Amino acid sequence: MSNLKDIETAIQKLSLKDVQELTFWFESYSASLWDDKIATDLNSGKLEKLLTKAKRDFLKGDFQEI
């Protein structure tokens, strides 16, 4: 696979339309990676303490609406 500099150079040669399409694809791809990471962490129990605290705080009314 090309190194990062090769990828950057190739991107700089793209048309505006292609950059827009690449941006849309990359944002979707990045979100998918993040979703997978969260699912993995959730399934492994890594988020259990955080979720327990959030639920406890919510039930006590200790939260701020956004």
PDB file of N, CA and C in Angstrom:
ATOM      1  N   MET A   1       0.840  -1.187   0.000  1.00  0.00           N
ATOM      2  CA  MET A   1       0.000   0.000   0.000  1.00  0.00           C
ATOM      3  C   MET A   1       0.878   1.241   0.000  1.00  0.00           C
ATOM      4  N   SER A   2       0.377   2.280  -0.588  1.00  0.00           N
ATOM      5  CA  SER A   2       1.100   3.548  -0.647  1.00  0.00           C
ATOM      6  C   SER A   2       1.248   4.125   0.748  1.00  0.00           C
ATOM      7  N   ASN A   3       2.291   4.912   0.908  1.00  0.00           N
ATOM      8  CA  ASN A   3       2.418   5.584   2.198  1.00  0.00           C
ATOM      9  C   ASN A   3       1.551   6.834   2.214  1.00  0.00           C
ATOM     10  N   LEU A   4       1.468   7.456   3.357  1.00  0.00           N
ATOM     11  CA  LEU A   4       0.575   8.598   3.530  1.00  0.00           C
ATOM     12  C   LEU A   4       0.895   9.743   2.578  1.00  0.00           C
ATOM     13  N   LYS A   5       2.158  10.020   2.345  1.00  0.00           N
ATOM     14  CA  LYS A   5       2.534  11.113   1.429  1.00  0.00           C
ATOM     15  C   LYS A   5       2.023  10.840   0.017  1.00  0.00           C
ATOM     16  N   ASP A   6       2.106   9.589  -0.425  1.00  0.00           N
ATOM     17  CA  ASP A   6       1.589   9.233  -1.750  1.00  0.00           C
ATOM     18  C   ASP A   6       0.079   9.471  -1.825  1.00  0.00           C
ATOM     19  N   ILE A   7      -0.616   9.123  -0.760  1.00  0.00           N
ATOM     20  CA  ILE A   7      -2.064   9.321  -0.721  1.00  0.00           C
ATOM     21  C   ILE A   7      -2.392  10.810  -0.745  1.00  0.00           C
ATOM     22  N   GLU A   8      -1.664  11.594   0.055  1.00  0.00           N
ATOM     23  CA  GLU A   8      -1.888  13.045   0.072  1.00  0.00           C
ATOM     24  C   GLU A   8      -1.660  13.655  -1.306  1.00  0.00           C
ATOM     25  N   THR A   9      -0.597  13.234  -1.967  1.00  0.00           N
ATOM     26  CA  THR A   9      -0.286  13.749  -3.302  1.00  0.00           C
ATOM     27  C   THR A   9      -1.394  13.391  -4.287  1.00  0.00           C
ATOM     28  N   ALA A  10      -1.878  12.163  -4.210  1.00  0.00           N
ATOM     29  CA  ALA A  10      -2.952  11.730  -5.103  1.00  0.00           C
ATOM     30  C   ALA A  10      -4.229  12.531  -4.851  1.00  0.00           C
ATOM     31  N   ILE A  11      -4.532  12.792  -3.594  1.00  0.00           N
ATOM     32  CA  ILE A  11      -5.732  13.565  -3.260  1.00  0.00           C
ATOM     33  C   ILE A  11      -5.638  14.980  -3.814  1.00  0.00           C
ATOM     34  N   GLN A  12      -4.464  15.568  -3.742  1.00  0.00           N
ATOM     35  CA  GLN A  12      -4.282  16.930  -4.244  1.00  0.00           C
ATOM     36  C   GLN A  12      -4.515  17.025  -5.745  1.00  0.00           C
ATOM     37  N   LYS A  13      -4.427  15.922  -6.445  1.00  0.00           N
ATOM     38  CA  LYS A  13      -4.632  15.911  -7.893  1.00  0.00           C
ATOM     39  C   LYS A  13      -6.093  15.662  -8.281  1.00  0.00           C
ATOM     40  N   LEU A  14      -6.942  15.400  -7.310  1.00  0.00           N
ATOM     41  CA  LEU A  14      -8.344  15.103  -7.595  1.00  0.00           C
ATOM     42  C   LEU A  14      -9.125  16.362  -7.954  1.00  0.00           C
ATOM     43  N   SER A  15     -10.179  16.156  -8.718  1.00  0.00           N
ATOM     44  CA  SER A  15     -11.105  17.259  -9.011  1.00  0.00           C
ATOM     45  C   SER A  15     -11.921  17.556  -7.750  1.00  0.00           C
ATOM     46  N   LEU A  16     -12.561  18.705  -7.743  1.00  0.00           N
ATOM     47  CA  LEU A  16     -13.401  19.078  -6.607  1.00  0.00           C
ATOM     48  C   LEU A  16     -14.486  18.027  -6.371  1.00  0.00           C
ATOM     49  N   LYS A  17     -15.106  17.561  -7.447  1.00  0.00           N
ATOM     50  CA  LYS A  17     -16.162  16.549  -7.341  1.00  0.00           C
ATOM     51  C   LYS A  17     -15.623  15.277  -6.695  1.00  0.00           C
ATOM     52  N   ASP A  18     -14.446  14.851  -7.123  1.00  0.00           N
ATOM     53  CA  ASP A  18     -13.854  13.644  -6.555  1.00  0.00           C
ATOM     54  C   ASP A  18     -13.468  13.840  -5.088  1.00  0.00           C
ATOM     55  N   VAL A  19     -12.994  15.023  -4.736  1.00  0.00           N
ATOM     56  CA  VAL A  19     -12.669  15.312  -3.332  1.00  0.00           C
ATOM     57  C   VAL A  19     -13.944  15.251  -2.490  1.00  0.00           C
ATOM     58  N   GLN A  20     -15.029  15.786  -3.010  1.00  0.00           N
ATOM     59  CA  GLN A  20     -16.299  15.743  -2.281  1.00  0.00           C
ATOM     60  C   GLN A  20     -16.761  14.300  -2.083  1.00  0.00           C
ATOM     61  N   GLU A  21     -16.640  13.484  -3.122  1.00  0.00           N
ATOM     62  CA  GLU A  21     -17.022  12.076  -3.015  1.00  0.00           C
ATOM     63  C   GLU A  21     -16.109  11.343  -2.036  1.00  0.00           C
ATOM     64  N   LEU A  22     -14.818  11.624  -2.085  1.00  0.00           N
ATOM     65  CA  LEU A  22     -13.866  11.016  -1.161  1.00  0.00           C
ATOM     66  C   LEU A  22     -14.178  11.427   0.275  1.00  0.00           C
ATOM     67  N   THR A  23     -14.499  12.698   0.463  1.00  0.00           N
ATOM     68  CA  THR A  23     -14.828  13.197   1.795  1.00  0.00           C
ATOM     69  C   THR A  23     -16.049  12.478   2.352  1.00  0.00           C
ATOM     70  N   PHE A  24     -17.081  12.331   1.540  1.00  0.00           N
ATOM     71  CA  PHE A  24     -18.285  11.623   1.970  1.00  0.00           C
ATOM     72  C   PHE A  24     -17.946  10.186   2.339  1.00  0.00           C
ATOM     73  N   TRP A  25     -17.179   9.509   1.475  1.00  0.00           N
ATOM     74  CA  TRP A  25     -16.791   8.126   1.742  1.00  0.00           C
ATOM     75  C   TRP A  25     -15.968   8.037   3.024  1.00  0.00           C
ATOM     76  N   PHE A  26     -14.988   8.928   3.182  1.00  0.00           N
ATOM     77  CA  PHE A  26     -14.092   8.857   4.329  1.00  0.00           C
ATOM     78  C   PHE A  26     -14.836   9.123   5.633  1.00  0.00           C
ATOM     79  N   GLU A  27     -15.756  10.072   5.626  1.00  0.00           N
ATOM     80  CA  GLU A  27     -16.539  10.347   6.832  1.00  0.00           C
ATOM     81  C   GLU A  27     -17.372   9.131   7.216  1.00  0.00           C
ATOM     82  N   SER A  28     -17.963   8.468   6.241  1.00  0.00           N
ATOM     83  CA  SER A  28     -18.743   7.256   6.503  1.00  0.00           C
ATOM     84  C   SER A  28     -17.846   6.136   7.012  1.00  0.00           C
ATOM     85  N   TYR A  29     -16.690   5.987   6.385  1.00  0.00           N
ATOM     86  CA  TYR A  29     -15.735   4.954   6.789  1.00  0.00           C
ATOM     87  C   TYR A  29     -15.240   5.203   8.207  1.00  0.00           C
ATOM     88  N   SER A  30     -14.887   6.440   8.508  1.00  0.00           N
ATOM     89  CA  SER A  30     -14.397   6.805   9.833  1.00  0.00           C
ATOM     90  C   SER A  30     -15.468   6.555  10.897  1.00  0.00           C
ATOM     91  N   ALA A  31     -16.700   6.919  10.606  1.00  0.00           N
ATOM     92  CA  ALA A  31     -17.798   6.688  11.545  1.00  0.00           C
ATOM     93  C   ALA A  31     -17.995   5.194  11.783  1.00  0.00           C
ATOM     94  N   SER A  32     -17.850   4.401  10.733  1.00  0.00           N
ATOM     95  CA  SER A  32     -17.991   2.957  10.852  1.00  0.00           C
ATOM     96  C   SER A  32     -16.906   2.373  11.759  1.00  0.00           C
ATOM     97  N   LEU A  33     -15.678   2.847  11.607  1.00  0.00           N
ATOM     98  CA  LEU A  33     -14.585   2.388  12.472  1.00  0.00           C
ATOM     99  C   LEU A  33     -14.877   2.733  13.925  1.00  0.00           C
ATOM    100  N   TRP A  34     -15.349   3.953  14.156  1.00  0.00           N
ATOM    101  CA  TRP A  34     -15.673   4.404  15.507  1.00  0.00           C
ATOM    102  C   TRP A  34     -16.804   3.554  16.095  1.00  0.00           C
ATOM    103  N   ASP A  35     -17.842   3.287  15.297  1.00  0.00           N
ATOM    104  CA  ASP A  35     -18.951   2.449  15.755  1.00  0.00           C
ATOM    105  C   ASP A  35     -18.457   1.059  16.139  1.00  0.00           C
ATOM    106  N   ASP A  36     -17.568   0.494  15.312  1.00  0.00           N
ATOM    107  CA  ASP A  36     -17.012  -0.830  15.600  1.00  0.00           C
ATOM    108  C   ASP A  36     -16.213  -0.822  16.900  1.00  0.00           C
ATOM    109  N   LYS A  37     -15.434   0.223  17.124  1.00  0.00           N
ATOM    110  CA  LYS A  37     -14.628   0.337  18.343  1.00  0.00           C
ATOM    111  C   LYS A  37     -15.529   0.427  19.569  1.00  0.00           C
ATOM    112  N   ILE A  38     -16.572   1.233  19.491  1.00  0.00           N
ATOM    113  CA  ILE A  38     -17.501   1.358  20.617  1.00  0.00           C
ATOM    114  C   ILE A  38     -18.182   0.018  20.890  1.00  0.00           C
ATOM    115  N   ALA A  39     -18.620  -0.672  19.842  1.00  0.00           N
ATOM    116  CA  ALA A  39     -19.271  -1.970  20.013  1.00  0.00           C
ATOM    117  C   ALA A  39     -18.319  -2.974  20.652  1.00  0.00           C
ATOM    118  N   THR A  40     -17.068  -2.990  20.217  1.00  0.00           N
ATOM    119  CA  THR A  40     -16.070  -3.893  20.792  1.00  0.00           C
ATOM    120  C   THR A  40     -15.853  -3.584  22.266  1.00  0.00           C
ATOM    121  N   ASP A  41     -15.687  -2.304  22.584  1.00  0.00           N
ATOM    122  CA  ASP A  41     -15.478  -1.905  23.978  1.00  0.00           C
ATOM    123  C   ASP A  41     -16.699  -2.226  24.835  1.00  0.00           C
ATOM    124  N   LEU A  42     -17.876  -2.010  24.296  1.00  0.00           N
ATOM    125  CA  LEU A  42     -19.108  -2.296  25.026  1.00  0.00           C
ATOM    126  C   LEU A  42     -19.228  -3.797  25.301  1.00  0.00           C
ATOM    127  N   ASN A  43     -18.988  -4.613  24.274  1.00  0.00           N
ATOM    128  CA  ASN A  43     -19.102  -6.064  24.418  1.00  0.00           C
ATOM    129  C   ASN A  43     -18.036  -6.655  25.334  1.00  0.00           C
ATOM    130  N   SER A  44     -16.894  -5.993  25.444  1.00  0.00           N
ATOM    131  CA  SER A  44     -15.813  -6.502  26.294  1.00  0.00           C
ATOM    132  C   SER A  44     -15.958  -6.042  27.741  1.00  0.00           C
ATOM    133  N   GLY A  45     -16.911  -5.156  28.008  1.00  0.00           N
ATOM    134  CA  GLY A  45     -17.120  -4.669  29.364  1.00  0.00           C
ATOM    135  C   GLY A  45     -16.326  -3.426  29.718  1.00  0.00           C
ATOM    136  N   LYS A  46     -15.558  -2.904  28.774  1.00  0.00           N
ATOM    137  CA  LYS A  46     -14.726  -1.733  29.056  1.00  0.00           C
ATOM    138  C   LYS A  46     -15.537  -0.504  29.455  1.00  0.00           C
ATOM    139  N   LEU A  47     -16.781  -0.432  29.028  1.00  0.00           N
ATOM    140  CA  LEU A  47     -17.599   0.750  29.305  1.00  0.00           C
ATOM    141  C   LEU A  47     -18.545   0.551  30.489  1.00  0.00           C
ATOM    142  N   GLU A  48     -18.457  -0.611  31.140  1.00  0.00           N
ATOM    143  CA  GLU A  48     -19.415  -0.942  32.196  1.00  0.00           C
ATOM    144  C   GLU A  48     -19.412   0.065  33.347  1.00  0.00           C
ATOM    145  N   LYS A  49     -18.238   0.450  33.834  1.00  0.00           N
ATOM    146  CA  LYS A  49     -18.169   1.421  34.937  1.00  0.00           C
ATOM    147  C   LYS A  49     -18.793   2.755  34.530  1.00  0.00           C
ATOM    148  N   LEU A  50     -18.482   3.197  33.335  1.00  0.00           N
ATOM    149  CA  LEU A  50     -19.019   4.466  32.841  1.00  0.00           C
ATOM    150  C   LEU A  50     -20.540   4.406  32.707  1.00  0.00           C
ATOM    151  N   LEU A  51     -21.044   3.313  32.144  1.00  0.00           N
ATOM    152  CA  LEU A  51     -22.492   3.169  31.980  1.00  0.00           C
ATOM    153  C   LEU A  51     -23.204   3.081  33.327  1.00  0.00           C
ATOM    154  N   THR A  52     -22.616   2.360  34.268  1.00  0.00           N
ATOM    155  CA  THR A  52     -23.204   2.236  35.599  1.00  0.00           C
ATOM    156  C   THR A  52     -23.290   3.597  36.275  1.00  0.00           C
ATOM    157  N   LYS A  53     -22.225   4.365  36.200  1.00  0.00           N
ATOM    158  CA  LYS A  53     -22.217   5.703  36.803  1.00  0.00           C
ATOM    159  C   LYS A  53     -23.237   6.612  36.117  1.00  0.00           C
ATOM    160  N   ALA A  54     -23.298   6.564  34.794  1.00  0.00           N
ATOM    161  CA  ALA A  54     -24.248   7.407  34.063  1.00  0.00           C
ATOM    162  C   ALA A  54     -25.689   7.067  34.443  1.00  0.00           C
ATOM    163  N   LYS A  55     -25.992   5.773  34.537  1.00  0.00           N
ATOM    164  CA  LYS A  55     -27.347   5.360  34.927  1.00  0.00           C
ATOM    165  C   LYS A  55     -27.661   5.808  36.353  1.00  0.00           C
ATOM    166  N   ARG A  56     -26.708   5.624  37.257  1.00  0.00           N
ATOM    167  CA  ARG A  56     -26.904   6.020  38.655  1.00  0.00           C
ATOM    168  C   ARG A  56     -27.146   7.530  38.758  1.00  0.00           C
ATOM    169  N   ASP A  57     -26.319   8.304  38.067  1.00  0.00           N
ATOM    170  CA  ASP A  57     -26.480   9.763  38.084  1.00  0.00           C
ATOM    171  C   ASP A  57     -27.831  10.176  37.510  1.00  0.00           C
ATOM    172  N   PHE A  58     -28.234   9.533  36.428  1.00  0.00           N
ATOM    173  CA  PHE A  58     -29.512   9.863  35.803  1.00  0.00           C
ATOM    174  C   PHE A  58     -30.674   9.577  36.750  1.00  0.00           C
ATOM    175  N   LEU A  59     -30.639   8.407  37.387  1.00  0.00           N
ATOM    176  CA  LEU A  59     -31.721   8.037  38.295  1.00  0.00           C
ATOM    177  C   LEU A  59     -31.790   8.961  39.508  1.00  0.00           C
ATOM    178  N   LYS A  60     -30.656   9.514  39.920  1.00  0.00           N
ATOM    179  CA  LYS A  60     -30.626  10.475  41.031  1.00  0.00           C
ATOM    180  C   LYS A  60     -31.049  11.870  40.575  1.00  0.00           C
ATOM    181  N   GLY A  61     -31.212  12.049  39.272  1.00  0.00           N
ATOM    182  CA  GLY A  61     -31.544  13.370  38.744  1.00  0.00           C
ATOM    183  C   GLY A  61     -30.328  14.260  38.592  1.00  0.00           C
ATOM    184  N   ASP A  62     -29.162  13.642  38.667  1.00  0.00           N
ATOM    185  CA  ASP A  62     -27.898  14.381  38.578  1.00  0.00           C
ATOM    186  C   ASP A  62     -27.429  14.416  37.121  1.00  0.00           C
ATOM    187  N   PHE A  63     -28.090  15.240  36.332  1.00  0.00           N
ATOM    188  CA  PHE A  63     -27.725  15.384  34.924  1.00  0.00           C
ATOM    189  C   PHE A  63     -28.143  16.766  34.454  1.00  0.00           C
ATOM    190  N   GLN A  64     -27.630  17.142  33.313  1.00  0.00           N
ATOM    191  CA  GLN A  64     -27.954  18.441  32.732  1.00  0.00           C
ATOM    192  C   GLN A  64     -28.440  18.214  31.311  1.00  0.00           C
ATOM    193  N   GLU A  65     -29.607  18.743  31.007  1.00  0.00           N
ATOM    194  CA  GLU A  65     -30.133  18.608  29.649  1.00  0.00           C
ATOM    195  C   GLU A  65     -29.295  19.421  28.684  1.00  0.00           C
ATOM    196  N   ILE A  66     -29.150  18.886  27.479  1.00  0.00           N
ATOM    197  CA  ILE A  66     -28.389  19.613  26.454  1.00  0.00           C
ATOM    198  C   ILE A  66     -29.296  20.025  25.322  1.00  0.00           C
TER     199      ILE A  66
END
